[in-house]
Amino acid sequence: MNPDIIEYEVKSRQVTTLQLPEFREDLLNIAREAPHGVILNLQNVETLDSAAFGAIIMLVRQLPSPGRVCLFGARRELRTLCEVLRLNNVVGLADTRDEAYSDIENYLARKMHLTARVD
């Protein structure tokens, strides 16, 4: 596994206004470690509200460049909601942990390649 990628398992079944302060703080703590990739394991999650999606966007913005967030294990309803909200334009969506790692590693390789070509 890549040491530049942190995996965070969301243990709460719901991430709504009630759970948001803890969820947001956890994501900020991850961002402080300055990884280039974060995998959010959503296998246990049934509900994410708009504030939780906002916290995920905040995490994307806090990562060093290039940085990538990938969600994996989301239930079909959550994955569809991510696609409707076009969150999949900002984060990766994967079915498995291995796919999430591959998504981030491929994204970082592309970004590093583009940066090297510009320099």
C-alpha atoms as a PDB file:
ATOM      1  CA  MET A   1       0.000   0.000   0.000  1.00  0.00           C
ATOM      2  CA  ASN A   2       1.085   3.556  -0.742  1.00  0.00           C
ATOM      3  CA  PRO A   3       2.209   5.488   2.376  1.00  0.00           C
ATOM      4  CA  ASP A   4       0.990   8.724   0.761  1.00  0.00           C
ATOM      5  CA  ILE A   5      -2.593   7.432   0.894  1.00  0.00           C
ATOM      6  CA  ILE A   6      -4.659   7.415   4.073  1.00  0.00           C
ATOM      7  CA  GLU A   7      -7.762   5.288   4.435  1.00  0.00           C
ATOM      8  CA  TYR A   8     -10.547   6.458   6.721  1.00  0.00           C
ATOM      9  CA  GLU A   9     -13.478   4.217   7.596  1.00  0.00           C
ATOM     10  CA  VAL A  10     -16.685   6.119   8.249  1.00  0.00           C
ATOM     11  CA  LYS A  11     -18.180   4.084  11.078  1.00  0.00           C
ATOM     12  CA  SER A  12     -21.426   5.968  11.518  1.00  0.00           C
ATOM     13  CA  ARG A  13     -24.436   4.680   9.593  1.00  0.00           C
ATOM     14  CA  GLN A  14     -25.586   8.266   9.106  1.00  0.00           C
ATOM     15  CA  VAL A  15     -23.543  11.412   8.639  1.00  0.00           C
ATOM     16  CA  THR A  16     -25.996  14.227   9.138  1.00  0.00           C
ATOM     17  CA  THR A  17     -25.975  17.498  11.056  1.00  0.00           C
ATOM     18  CA  LEU A  18     -25.709  15.596  14.349  1.00  0.00           C
ATOM     19  CA  GLN A  19     -22.550  13.690  13.380  1.00  0.00           C
ATOM     20  CA  LEU A  20     -21.068  16.454  11.241  1.00  0.00           C
ATOM     21  CA  PRO A  21     -18.756  18.106  13.821  1.00  0.00           C
ATOM     22  CA  GLU A  22     -16.934  14.834  14.527  1.00  0.00           C
ATOM     23  CA  PHE A  23     -16.857  13.829  10.836  1.00  0.00           C
ATOM     24  CA  ARG A  24     -15.519  17.227   9.794  1.00  0.00           C
ATOM     25  CA  GLU A  25     -12.880  17.199  12.538  1.00  0.00           C
ATOM     26  CA  ASP A  26     -11.754  13.712  11.488  1.00  0.00           C
ATOM     27  CA  LEU A  27     -11.389  14.891   7.890  1.00  0.00           C
ATOM     28  CA  LEU A  28      -9.455  18.005   8.967  1.00  0.00           C
ATOM     29  CA  ASN A  29      -7.096  15.835  11.021  1.00  0.00           C
ATOM     30  CA  ILE A  30      -6.491  13.658   7.965  1.00  0.00           C
ATOM     31  CA  ALA A  31      -5.796  16.739   5.828  1.00  0.00           C
ATOM     32  CA  ARG A  32      -3.274  17.980   8.422  1.00  0.00           C
ATOM     33  CA  GLU A  33      -1.223  14.855   7.763  1.00  0.00           C
ATOM     34  CA  ALA A  34      -0.861  16.160   4.181  1.00  0.00           C
ATOM     35  CA  PRO A  35      -1.414  12.938   2.268  1.00  0.00           C
ATOM     36  CA  HIS A  36      -1.773  13.076  -1.494  1.00  0.00           C
ATOM     37  CA  GLY A  37      -4.605  10.576  -1.378  1.00  0.00           C
ATOM     38  CA  VAL A  38      -7.498   9.808   0.945  1.00  0.00           C
ATOM     39  CA  ILE A  39      -9.793   6.832   0.648  1.00  0.00           C
ATOM     40  CA  LEU A  40     -13.120   7.206   2.421  1.00  0.00           C
ATOM     41  CA  ASN A  41     -14.589   3.801   3.212  1.00  0.00           C
ATOM     42  CA  LEU A  42     -18.374   4.209   3.106  1.00  0.00           C
ATOM     43  CA  GLN A  43     -19.334   0.544   3.488  1.00  0.00           C
ATOM     44  CA  ASN A  44     -21.204   1.194   6.759  1.00  0.00           C
ATOM     45  CA  VAL A  45     -22.896   4.421   5.645  1.00  0.00           C
ATOM     46  CA  GLU A  46     -26.573   4.545   4.772  1.00  0.00           C
ATOM     47  CA  THR A  47     -27.092   8.324   4.736  1.00  0.00           C
ATOM     48  CA  LEU A  48     -24.964  11.357   3.923  1.00  0.00           C
ATOM     49  CA  ASP A  49     -26.628  14.751   4.021  1.00  0.00           C
ATOM     50  CA  SER A  50     -25.581  17.866   2.124  1.00  0.00           C
ATOM     51  CA  ALA A  51     -23.359  19.043   4.985  1.00  0.00           C
ATOM     52  CA  ALA A  52     -21.463  15.737   4.874  1.00  0.00           C
ATOM     53  CA  PHE A  53     -20.915  16.178   1.128  1.00  0.00           C
ATOM     54  CA  GLY A  54     -19.679  19.693   1.909  1.00  0.00           C
ATOM     55  CA  ALA A  55     -17.175  18.254   4.392  1.00  0.00           C
ATOM     56  CA  ILE A  56     -15.873  15.876   1.703  1.00  0.00           C
ATOM     57  CA  ILE A  57     -15.397  18.834  -0.674  1.00  0.00           C
ATOM     58  CA  MET A  58     -13.583  20.668   2.150  1.00  0.00           C
ATOM     59  CA  LEU A  59     -11.221  17.694   2.460  1.00  0.00           C
ATOM     60  CA  VAL A  60     -10.488  17.786  -1.285  1.00  0.00           C
ATOM     61  CA  ARG A  61      -9.576  21.467  -1.006  1.00  0.00           C
ATOM     62  CA  GLN A  62      -7.339  20.903   2.026  1.00  0.00           C
ATOM     63  CA  LEU A  63      -5.128  18.259   0.410  1.00  0.00           C
ATOM     64  CA  PRO A  64      -1.785  19.291  -1.047  1.00  0.00           C
ATOM     65  CA  SER A  65      -1.633  19.506  -4.819  1.00  0.00           C
ATOM     66  CA  PRO A  66      -1.894  17.074  -6.443  1.00  0.00           C
ATOM     67  CA  GLY A  67      -4.366  15.420  -4.129  1.00  0.00           C
ATOM     68  CA  ARG A  68      -7.205  12.987  -4.647  1.00  0.00           C
ATOM     69  CA  VAL A  69     -10.091  11.675  -2.572  1.00  0.00           C
ATOM     70  CA  CYS A  70     -11.782   8.431  -3.544  1.00  0.00           C
ATOM     71  CA  LEU A  71     -14.959   7.028  -2.002  1.00  0.00           C
ATOM     72  CA  PHE A  72     -15.406   3.298  -1.937  1.00  0.00           C
ATOM     73  CA  GLY A  73     -18.025   0.859  -0.798  1.00  0.00           C
ATOM     74  CA  ALA A  74     -20.899   3.329  -1.152  1.00  0.00           C
ATOM     75  CA  ARG A  75     -24.341   1.804  -1.401  1.00  0.00           C
ATOM     76  CA  ARG A  76     -26.007   2.152  -4.780  1.00  0.00           C
ATOM     77  CA  GLU A  77     -28.251   4.995  -3.550  1.00  0.00           C
ATOM     78  CA  LEU A  78     -25.282   6.996  -2.251  1.00  0.00           C
ATOM     79  CA  ARG A  79     -23.274   6.368  -5.391  1.00  0.00           C
ATOM     80  CA  THR A  80     -26.200   7.518  -7.550  1.00  0.00           C
ATOM     81  CA  LEU A  81     -26.561  10.641  -5.405  1.00  0.00           C
ATOM     82  CA  CYS A  82     -22.825  11.362  -5.855  1.00  0.00           C
ATOM     83  CA  GLU A  83     -23.285  11.104  -9.603  1.00  0.00           C
ATOM     84  CA  VAL A  84     -26.421  13.292  -9.636  1.00  0.00           C
ATOM     85  CA  LEU A  85     -24.559  15.935  -7.588  1.00  0.00           C
ATOM     86  CA  ARG A  86     -21.584  15.497  -9.951  1.00  0.00           C
ATOM     87  CA  LEU A  87     -19.355  14.787  -6.992  1.00  0.00           C
ATOM     88  CA  ASN A  88     -17.733  12.167  -9.202  1.00  0.00           C
ATOM     89  CA  ASN A  89     -16.153  15.105 -11.098  1.00  0.00           C
ATOM     90  CA  VAL A  90     -14.281  16.014  -7.910  1.00  0.00           C
ATOM     91  CA  VAL A  91     -13.633  12.658  -6.216  1.00  0.00           C
ATOM     92  CA  GLY A  92     -13.164   9.103  -7.381  1.00  0.00           C
ATOM     93  CA  LEU A  93     -15.881   6.507  -6.883  1.00  0.00           C
ATOM     94  CA  ALA A  94     -14.826   2.885  -6.512  1.00  0.00           C
ATOM     95  CA  ASP A  95     -16.508  -0.366  -5.613  1.00  0.00           C
ATOM     96  CA  THR A  96     -13.519  -1.922  -3.834  1.00  0.00           C
ATOM     97  CA  ARG A  97     -10.522  -0.841  -1.776  1.00  0.00           C
ATOM     98  CA  ASP A  98      -8.154  -2.010  -4.521  1.00  0.00           C
ATOM     99  CA  GLU A  99     -10.021   0.045  -7.122  1.00  0.00           C
ATOM    100  CA  ALA A 100      -9.832   3.084  -4.816  1.00  0.00           C
ATOM    101  CA  TYR A 101      -6.056   2.714  -4.422  1.00  0.00           C
ATOM    102  CA  SER A 102      -5.693   2.301  -8.190  1.00  0.00           C
ATOM    103  CA  ASP A 103      -7.853   5.380  -8.822  1.00  0.00           C
ATOM    104  CA  ILE A 104      -5.668   7.540  -6.589  1.00  0.00           C
ATOM    105  CA  GLU A 105      -2.367   6.136  -7.822  1.00  0.00           C
ATOM    106  CA  ASN A 106      -3.401   6.607 -11.475  1.00  0.00           C
ATOM    107  CA  TYR A 107      -4.616  10.153 -10.782  1.00  0.00           C
ATOM    108  CA  LEU A 108      -1.364  11.083  -9.036  1.00  0.00           C
ATOM    109  CA  ALA A 109       0.740   9.513 -11.799  1.00  0.00           C
ATOM    110  CA  ARG A 110      -1.137  11.541 -14.446  1.00  0.00           C
ATOM    111  CA  LYS A 111      -0.751  14.765 -12.464  1.00  0.00           C
ATOM    112  CA  MET A 112       2.953  14.155 -11.825  1.00  0.00           C
ATOM    113  CA  HIS A 113       3.464  13.373 -15.519  1.00  0.00           C
ATOM    114  CA  LEU A 114       1.705  16.592 -16.568  1.00  0.00           C
ATOM    115  CA  THR A 115       3.730  18.618 -14.040  1.00  0.00           C
ATOM    116  CA  ALA A 116       6.982  17.093 -15.333  1.00  0.00           C
ATOM    117  CA  ARG A 117       6.042  17.978 -18.918  1.00  0.00           C
ATOM    118  CA  VAL A 118       5.364  21.609 -17.972  1.00  0.00           C
ATOM    119  CA  ASP A 119       8.682  21.977 -16.151  1.00  0.00           C
END
